[in-house]
Amino acid sequence: MSTPSISVIIPLYRAEDYLDGLLTQLREQPLQEIEIICVVDGSPDGTLDIAKRHAEKDLRISWIYQENAGAGAARNAGLELAKGEYLAFLDADDTYDPLFLTKMLEAAEEHDADLVVCQFKRVDFKAGREWPGEGYRSDKVPANSAISPLDLGDPFTAFSVVPNNKLFRKAIVDRESLRFSTTRVANDIFFSLAMIASSERIVAIPDSLATQRKFINEHSISSRRAAHAEDVFASFGELRAWLLEHGLFDRHGDTFATAWADAVHYNATYERSEPFIESAVRELAHEEPWRSMSNRELRDAARLDPSPIAAKRLVCSRQPAGQARDIEVWGLRNEEEAVREIVRLLNAEHGRSLPEHANVLIGAIVLLRRIGLRNGMGKIVERMRRNR
């Protein structure tokens, strides 16, 4: 077969209920110059047999089997075999418009794009809800024209990080040696955002060409997110290191900070357990940014009562001696209680209960510590205020 226009890579785990329909659709869609790489990620069900059966019928389909390592590792395995000019990463339990590949490739070729993004719809079958327009921010990104990420001001939050609504130019992926993170969840954050930073021409098309079906598959990543809540921290740490290594952090530092704030807000709500809160509190008790921000800065950022008592309770003194005195004066036995008081004040101001939303704030602060940022607290608090 000549060089395919698109390499379609599908990571597969317990996908026997969905794979036959997806492969049938891909074989019948009008774009013929494709290859389909099925990466069976240690799936114990009939997924591998379905992939084999379709590969026997269509030479464009190939399959590989690996021990279970997660979707990120499975996509990377498929990348090693891909020969197409563009790359598409599909999930078996999502659905796609019959013209998905055709329309994405047409946009890529018309605009000589490095990255093509379409809109998609997210459906939560448990809650009976759906959210259209999830692929990109139509108020930020002009449709049907080639744009540079620098034209957007805040490109990391302008697009969803999921890969299955995108077409990636393989030459860029190869040039930058981009690979998916091997965390169990949030393994697409680094790849997608690094690709945005590496692209010169991005095209967004307004058509909604995919549907992400949340929670329909109990073995899917979205169904198991709470068990690996901290993976988002590791993914953003990886992205920050890559931006610094490539000299891009000064250019994309602000949009990076906003993107991780969004990600923490989204991901941390999956983990509401008391052990998670306890461990996060212990980890951040002696860390930035609390001791580097003045009472006024924190008070203003949090929009709290301006009284001296509220300000003193909001943050410990920068000096260890003063810190100890403040804890004692306000009846707090240790720094952990001081941190809890911060959370209590923030929640009281914004009507959030500790079990429901404090972990979002705490998770964000833990991330601040891990990636070394000191200017993101205001962003988190502002986001809590906006989402009341």
Protein backbone atom coordinates (compact mmCIF):
# COMPACT_ATOMS: atom_id res chain seq x y z
CA MET A 1 0.00 0.00 0.00
CA SER A 2 1.22 3.52 -0.80
CA THR A 3 1.78 6.01 2.00
CA PRO A 4 -1.60 6.44 3.71
CA SER A 5 -3.07 9.87 4.21
CA ILE A 6 -4.05 9.04 7.79
CA SER A 7 -2.88 6.48 10.30
CA VAL A 8 -5.80 5.70 12.62
CA ILE A 9 -4.55 4.41 15.99
CA ILE A 10 -7.04 2.79 18.38
CA PRO A 11 -6.01 1.78 21.93
CA LEU A 12 -8.19 -1.10 23.08
CA TYR A 13 -9.08 -2.51 26.47
CA ARG A 14 -12.30 -4.45 27.07
CA ALA A 15 -13.76 -2.99 23.89
CA GLU A 16 -15.57 -6.07 22.55
CA ASP A 17 -18.96 -4.33 22.76
CA TYR A 18 -17.84 -1.41 20.59
CA LEU A 19 -14.94 -2.40 18.34
CA ASP A 20 -16.85 -4.27 15.67
CA GLY A 21 -19.08 -1.27 14.99
CA LEU A 22 -16.17 1.16 14.87
CA LEU A 23 -14.05 -0.95 12.52
CA THR A 24 -17.03 -1.60 10.25
CA GLN A 25 -17.67 2.12 10.03
CA LEU A 26 -14.01 2.93 9.34
CA ARG A 27 -13.84 0.34 6.58
CA GLU A 28 -16.98 1.71 4.93
CA GLN A 29 -16.24 5.43 5.21
CA PRO A 30 -15.31 7.06 1.87
CA LEU A 31 -11.64 7.88 2.52
CA GLN A 32 -9.73 4.82 1.37
CA GLU A 33 -6.10 5.94 1.81
CA ILE A 34 -5.88 5.09 5.50
CA GLU A 35 -4.29 2.51 7.75
CA ILE A 36 -5.93 1.34 10.96
CA ILE A 37 -3.69 0.16 13.80
CA CYS A 38 -5.47 -1.66 16.64
CA VAL A 39 -3.40 -1.82 19.82
CA VAL A 40 -4.90 -4.41 22.16
CA ASP A 41 -3.74 -3.38 25.62
CA GLY A 42 -3.86 -6.70 27.49
CA SER A 43 -7.62 -6.92 27.09
CA PRO A 44 -8.92 -10.19 28.59
CA ASP A 45 -12.16 -10.28 26.58
CA GLY A 46 -12.86 -10.84 22.89
CA THR A 47 -11.35 -7.56 21.69
CA LEU A 48 -8.30 -9.20 20.09
CA ASP A 49 -10.42 -11.72 18.17
CA ILE A 50 -12.53 -8.91 16.70
CA ALA A 51 -9.42 -7.02 15.59
CA LYS A 52 -8.00 -10.17 13.99
CA ARG A 53 -11.24 -10.90 12.16
CA HIS A 54 -11.38 -7.44 10.60
CA ALA A 55 -7.67 -7.53 9.72
CA GLU A 56 -8.28 -10.73 7.73
CA LYS A 57 -10.96 -8.94 5.69
CA ASP A 58 -9.17 -5.62 5.12
CA LEU A 59 -5.43 -5.26 4.49
CA ARG A 60 -5.52 -1.67 5.79
CA ILE A 61 -6.10 -3.02 9.31
CA SER A 62 -3.31 -4.33 11.50
CA TRP A 63 -3.19 -5.28 15.16
CA ILE A 64 -0.64 -5.65 17.91
CA TYR A 65 -1.01 -7.06 21.41
CA GLN A 66 0.80 -5.79 24.49
CA GLU A 67 0.55 -6.43 28.21
CA ASN A 68 -1.78 -3.96 29.87
CA ALA A 69 0.02 -0.61 30.23
CA GLY A 70 -2.72 1.99 29.70
CA ALA A 71 -4.08 4.01 26.80
CA GLY A 72 -1.06 6.32 26.61
CA ALA A 73 1.39 3.46 26.20
CA ALA A 74 -0.95 1.79 23.69
CA ARG A 75 -1.11 4.94 21.55
CA ASN A 76 2.68 5.18 21.68
CA ALA A 77 2.98 1.60 20.45
CA GLY A 78 0.74 2.44 17.53
CA LEU A 79 2.79 5.54 16.80
CA GLU A 80 5.90 3.42 16.31
CA LEU A 81 4.17 1.63 13.41
CA ALA A 82 2.32 4.56 11.84
CA LYS A 83 3.22 5.55 8.27
CA GLY A 84 0.53 8.12 7.47
CA GLU A 85 1.00 11.81 6.77
CA TYR A 86 -1.48 12.55 9.55
CA LEU A 87 -2.40 10.76 12.74
CA ALA A 88 -5.84 10.18 14.25
CA PHE A 89 -6.34 8.63 17.69
CA LEU A 90 -9.82 7.17 18.14
CA ASP A 91 -11.45 5.48 21.13
CA ALA A 92 -13.58 2.41 20.51
CA ASP A 93 -16.38 3.41 22.88
CA ASP A 94 -16.90 6.81 21.23
CA THR A 95 -18.84 7.39 18.02
CA TYR A 96 -17.81 9.31 14.91
CA ASP A 97 -19.50 10.93 11.95
CA PRO A 98 -19.13 8.79 8.79
CA LEU A 99 -17.29 11.73 7.18
CA PHE A 100 -15.04 12.40 10.17
CA LEU A 101 -11.78 11.44 8.48
CA THR A 102 -12.75 12.95 5.13
CA LYS A 103 -13.65 16.35 6.53
CA MET A 104 -10.61 16.48 8.82
CA LEU A 105 -8.23 15.63 5.97
CA GLU A 106 -9.87 18.12 3.62
CA ALA A 107 -9.33 20.89 6.17
CA ALA A 108 -5.73 19.81 6.73
CA GLU A 109 -4.90 19.80 3.02
CA GLU A 110 -6.76 23.01 2.21
CA HIS A 111 -4.91 24.99 4.89
CA ASP A 112 -1.64 23.00 5.02
CA ALA A 113 -2.40 22.54 8.72
CA ASP A 114 -0.20 20.95 11.36
CA LEU A 115 -3.22 20.34 13.58
CA VAL A 116 -6.93 20.08 12.81
CA VAL A 117 -9.56 20.23 15.54
CA CYS A 118 -13.31 19.63 15.26
CA GLN A 119 -16.14 20.11 17.72
CA PHE A 120 -17.50 17.10 19.56
CA LYS A 121 -20.31 16.30 21.95
CA ARG A 122 -19.88 14.76 25.41
CA VAL A 123 -22.72 12.55 26.67
CA ASP A 124 -23.08 11.30 30.26
CA PHE A 125 -25.40 8.32 30.14
CA LYS A 126 -25.60 7.97 33.92
CA ALA A 127 -26.76 11.54 34.44
CA GLY A 128 -28.73 11.75 31.20
CA ARG A 129 -26.90 14.93 30.16
CA GLU A 130 -24.94 16.07 27.14
CA TRP A 131 -22.59 18.95 26.38
CA PRO A 132 -22.10 20.08 22.76
CA GLY A 133 -19.23 22.21 21.50
CA GLU A 134 -16.55 20.52 23.59
CA GLY A 135 -13.76 20.48 20.99
CA TYR A 136 -12.67 24.10 21.13
CA ARG A 137 -13.77 27.50 22.37
CA SER A 138 -15.71 29.04 19.50
CA ASP A 139 -15.53 32.43 21.24
CA LYS A 140 -11.73 32.25 21.14
CA VAL A 141 -10.92 30.30 17.99
CA PRO A 142 -12.02 31.42 14.51
CA ALA A 143 -13.36 28.57 12.40
CA ASN A 144 -12.18 27.44 8.97
CA SER A 145 -8.97 29.45 8.87
CA ALA A 146 -5.34 28.67 9.66
CA ILE A 147 -4.15 30.31 12.85
CA SER A 148 -0.97 30.31 14.91
CA PRO A 149 -1.25 29.42 18.59
CA LEU A 150 0.37 32.78 19.32
CA ASP A 151 -2.63 34.49 17.70
CA LEU A 152 -4.92 33.08 20.39
CA GLY A 153 -3.31 34.54 23.50
CA ASP A 154 -4.37 31.57 25.62
CA PRO A 155 -4.05 28.58 23.26
CA PHE A 156 -3.78 25.84 25.90
CA THR A 157 -7.32 26.52 27.13
CA ALA A 158 -8.78 27.22 23.70
CA PHE A 159 -8.86 23.52 22.78
CA SER A 160 -9.86 20.33 24.55
CA VAL A 161 -6.86 18.11 25.28
CA VAL A 162 -8.58 14.89 24.20
CA PRO A 163 -6.92 13.51 21.06
CA ASN A 164 -9.93 11.90 19.43
CA ASN A 165 -11.26 15.10 17.82
CA LYS A 166 -7.92 15.99 16.21
CA LEU A 167 -5.72 15.26 13.23
CA PHE A 168 -1.97 15.60 13.92
CA ARG A 169 0.69 16.11 11.27
CA LYS A 170 3.05 13.18 11.81
CA ALA A 171 6.12 15.14 10.70
CA ILE A 172 5.67 17.51 13.67
CA VAL A 173 5.15 14.63 16.08
CA ASP A 174 8.33 12.97 14.79
CA ARG A 175 10.36 16.19 14.76
CA GLU A 176 9.55 16.91 18.40
CA SER A 177 9.60 13.22 19.45
CA LEU A 178 6.18 13.67 21.05
CA ARG A 179 4.66 10.75 22.88
CA PHE A 180 1.71 10.26 25.20
CA SER A 181 2.28 10.15 28.94
CA THR A 182 2.16 6.68 30.44
CA THR A 183 0.02 7.68 33.42
CA ARG A 184 -3.23 5.78 33.83
CA VAL A 185 -5.32 8.92 33.29
CA ALA A 186 -4.57 12.40 31.95
CA ASN A 187 -2.14 10.78 29.50
CA ASP A 188 -3.23 13.08 26.66
CA ILE A 189 -2.45 16.42 28.35
CA PHE A 190 1.24 16.53 27.47
CA PHE A 191 0.85 15.25 23.91
CA SER A 192 -1.99 17.57 22.90
CA LEU A 193 -0.65 20.74 24.51
CA ALA A 194 2.92 20.15 23.32
CA MET A 195 1.52 19.66 19.81
CA ILE A 196 -0.36 22.94 20.05
CA ALA A 197 2.84 24.69 21.13
CA SER A 198 4.76 23.05 18.25
CA SER A 199 2.23 23.83 15.51
CA GLU A 200 2.47 26.81 13.19
CA ARG A 201 -0.90 26.35 11.52
CA ILE A 202 -4.00 25.13 13.39
CA VAL A 203 -7.43 24.81 11.80
CA ALA A 204 -10.69 24.48 13.72
CA ILE A 205 -13.78 23.24 11.90
CA PRO A 206 -17.20 23.89 13.44
CA ASP A 207 -18.72 20.52 12.53
CA SER A 208 -19.43 18.25 15.51
CA LEU A 209 -17.93 15.02 14.21
CA ALA A 210 -17.51 12.89 17.35
CA THR A 211 -19.43 11.91 20.48
CA GLN A 212 -17.61 11.03 23.68
CA ARG A 213 -19.72 8.63 25.68
CA LYS A 214 -18.84 9.10 29.33
CA PHE A 215 -19.30 6.22 31.77
CA ILE A 216 -20.90 3.89 29.25
CA ASN A 217 -17.88 1.59 29.63
CA GLU A 218 -17.03 0.83 33.25
CA HIS A 219 -13.46 0.03 32.18
CA SER A 220 -12.89 3.33 30.35
CA ILE A 221 -10.50 5.99 31.62
CA SER A 222 -13.30 8.39 32.55
CA SER A 223 -14.87 5.68 34.68
CA ARG A 224 -11.61 5.01 36.56
CA ARG A 225 -10.34 8.58 36.94
CA ALA A 226 -10.83 8.87 40.70
CA ALA A 227 -8.39 6.03 41.37
CA HIS A 228 -5.56 8.01 39.73
CA ALA A 229 -6.46 11.59 40.60
CA GLU A 230 -2.87 12.79 40.90
CA ASP A 231 -1.84 11.75 37.39
CA VAL A 232 -2.84 15.19 36.18
CA PHE A 233 -0.05 16.64 38.34
CA ALA A 234 2.55 14.41 36.71
CA SER A 235 1.32 15.25 33.20
CA PHE A 236 1.60 18.98 33.73
CA GLY A 237 5.01 18.52 35.34
CA GLU A 238 6.10 16.70 32.19
CA LEU A 239 4.72 19.49 30.00
CA ARG A 240 6.43 22.21 32.03
CA ALA A 241 9.79 20.41 31.77
CA TRP A 242 9.35 20.06 28.00
CA LEU A 243 8.46 23.75 27.56
CA LEU A 244 11.53 24.77 29.55
CA GLU A 245 13.79 22.40 27.62
CA HIS A 246 12.57 23.79 24.29
CA GLY A 247 12.76 27.43 25.38
CA LEU A 248 8.98 27.85 25.13
CA PHE A 249 8.00 28.47 28.73
CA ASP A 250 8.37 32.25 28.56
CA ARG A 251 6.10 32.26 25.51
CA HIS A 252 3.48 29.88 26.91
CA GLY A 253 3.85 30.26 30.68
CA ASP A 254 0.61 32.18 31.20
CA THR A 255 -1.52 29.83 29.13
CA PHE A 256 0.19 26.89 30.85
CA ALA A 257 -0.85 28.22 34.28
CA THR A 258 -4.44 28.71 33.13
CA ALA A 259 -4.57 25.25 31.56
CA TRP A 260 -3.44 23.41 34.68
CA ALA A 261 -5.93 25.41 36.75
CA ASP A 262 -8.69 24.20 34.43
CA ALA A 263 -7.40 20.63 34.55
CA VAL A 264 -7.20 20.52 38.32
CA HIS A 265 -10.68 21.94 38.64
CA TYR A 266 -12.00 19.24 36.30
CA ASN A 267 -9.99 16.25 37.53
CA ALA A 268 -9.93 16.84 41.26
CA THR A 269 -13.72 16.70 41.51
CA TYR A 270 -13.48 12.97 40.78
CA GLU A 271 -11.63 12.36 44.05
CA ARG A 272 -13.62 13.49 47.11
CA SER A 273 -12.30 11.12 49.72
CA GLU A 274 -11.10 12.24 53.12
CA PRO A 275 -7.73 10.41 52.70
CA PHE A 276 -7.07 12.46 49.56
CA ILE A 277 -7.78 15.69 51.42
CA GLU A 278 -5.66 14.63 54.39
CA SER A 279 -2.64 13.72 52.27
CA ALA A 280 -2.92 16.90 50.24
CA VAL A 281 -3.09 19.04 53.37
CA ARG A 282 -0.01 17.38 54.84
CA GLU A 283 1.91 17.90 51.62
CA LEU A 284 1.15 21.59 51.18
CA ALA A 285 1.36 22.72 54.82
CA HIS A 286 4.94 24.00 54.56
CA GLU A 287 4.91 24.94 50.89
CA GLU A 288 4.47 27.89 48.58
CA PRO A 289 2.61 29.95 47.57
CA TRP A 290 1.07 30.68 50.95
CA ARG A 291 4.14 32.08 52.67
CA SER A 292 5.17 34.13 49.63
CA MET A 293 1.84 35.95 49.29
CA SER A 294 0.98 38.82 51.55
CA ASN A 295 -2.20 38.93 53.58
CA ARG A 296 -3.53 41.62 51.27
CA GLU A 297 -2.74 39.62 48.13
CA LEU A 298 -4.47 36.52 49.41
CA ARG A 299 -7.38 38.46 50.84
CA ASP A 300 -7.92 40.35 47.59
CA ALA A 301 -7.55 37.22 45.47
CA ALA A 302 -10.04 35.34 47.60
CA ARG A 303 -12.41 38.31 47.95
CA LEU A 304 -12.66 37.63 51.67
CA ASP A 305 -13.75 39.81 54.55
CA PRO A 306 -11.06 42.54 54.82
CA SER A 307 -11.01 42.46 58.62
CA PRO A 308 -7.61 41.83 60.27
CA ILE A 309 -8.90 38.62 61.84
CA ALA A 310 -9.89 37.13 58.51
CA ALA A 311 -6.59 38.21 56.99
CA LYS A 312 -4.58 36.69 59.82
CA ARG A 313 -6.48 33.45 59.64
CA LEU A 314 -6.03 33.34 55.90
CA VAL A 315 -2.28 32.87 55.85
CA CYS A 316 0.57 32.08 58.22
CA SER A 317 3.40 34.57 58.66
CA ARG A 318 6.42 34.25 56.39
CA GLN A 319 8.77 34.00 59.37
CA PRO A 320 8.82 30.73 61.33
CA ALA A 321 8.63 32.53 64.67
CA GLY A 322 5.77 34.73 63.58
CA GLN A 323 4.10 31.74 62.02
CA ALA A 324 4.12 29.90 65.32
CA ARG A 325 2.72 32.93 67.13
CA ASP A 326 -0.08 33.37 64.61
CA ILE A 327 -1.08 29.73 64.91
CA GLU A 328 -1.14 30.02 68.68
CA VAL A 329 -3.01 33.33 68.77
CA TRP A 330 -5.79 32.09 66.53
CA GLY A 331 -6.24 28.83 68.40
CA LEU A 332 -4.80 26.62 65.68
CA ARG A 333 -2.69 23.72 66.93
CA ASN A 334 -0.51 23.33 63.84
CA GLU A 335 -0.02 24.35 60.23
CA GLU A 336 -2.41 21.72 58.99
CA GLU A 337 -5.20 23.37 60.93
CA ALA A 338 -4.13 26.70 59.49
CA VAL A 339 -4.49 25.30 56.00
CA ARG A 340 -7.89 23.89 56.86
CA GLU A 341 -8.90 27.33 58.10
CA ILE A 342 -7.90 28.79 54.75
CA VAL A 343 -10.09 26.25 53.03
CA ARG A 344 -12.95 26.95 55.44
CA LEU A 345 -12.80 30.69 54.77
CA LEU A 346 -12.69 30.19 51.02
CA ASN A 347 -15.60 27.78 51.14
CA ALA A 348 -17.62 30.05 53.42
CA GLU A 349 -17.12 32.91 51.01
CA HIS A 350 -18.12 30.93 47.96
CA GLY A 351 -20.72 28.62 49.43
CA ARG A 352 -18.68 25.47 48.88
CA SER A 353 -18.68 22.59 51.33
CA LEU A 354 -15.41 20.93 52.28
CA PRO A 355 -16.23 17.38 51.15
CA GLU A 356 -17.58 18.61 47.84
CA HIS A 357 -15.08 21.20 46.65
CA ALA A 358 -12.14 21.74 49.01
CA ASN A 359 -10.16 19.02 47.29
CA VAL A 360 -10.26 21.06 44.07
CA LEU A 361 -8.51 23.93 45.82
CA ILE A 362 -6.12 21.68 47.73
CA GLY A 363 -5.25 19.69 44.64
CA ALA A 364 -4.44 22.93 42.85
CA ILE A 365 -2.10 24.02 45.62
CA VAL A 366 -0.35 20.65 45.61
CA LEU A 367 0.16 21.11 41.89
CA LEU A 368 1.55 24.60 42.49
CA ARG A 369 4.18 23.05 44.70
CA ARG A 370 5.04 20.22 42.32
CA ILE A 371 5.54 22.32 39.22
CA GLY A 372 7.13 25.27 40.96
CA LEU A 373 4.60 27.96 40.04
CA ARG A 374 3.94 30.74 42.49
CA ASN A 375 1.39 32.88 40.68
CA GLY A 376 -1.52 30.51 40.23
CA MET A 377 -3.43 30.85 43.49
CA GLY A 378 -5.39 33.83 42.27
CA LYS A 379 -6.40 31.91 39.16
CA ILE A 380 -7.79 29.03 41.20
CA VAL A 381 -9.69 31.29 43.57
CA GLU A 382 -11.02 33.35 40.69
CA ARG A 383 -12.19 30.17 38.97
CA MET A 384 -14.01 29.10 42.13
CA ARG A 385 -15.66 32.50 42.24
CA ARG A 386 -16.75 32.36 38.58
CA ASN A 387 -18.17 28.85 38.95
CA ARG A 388 -20.29 29.51 42.01
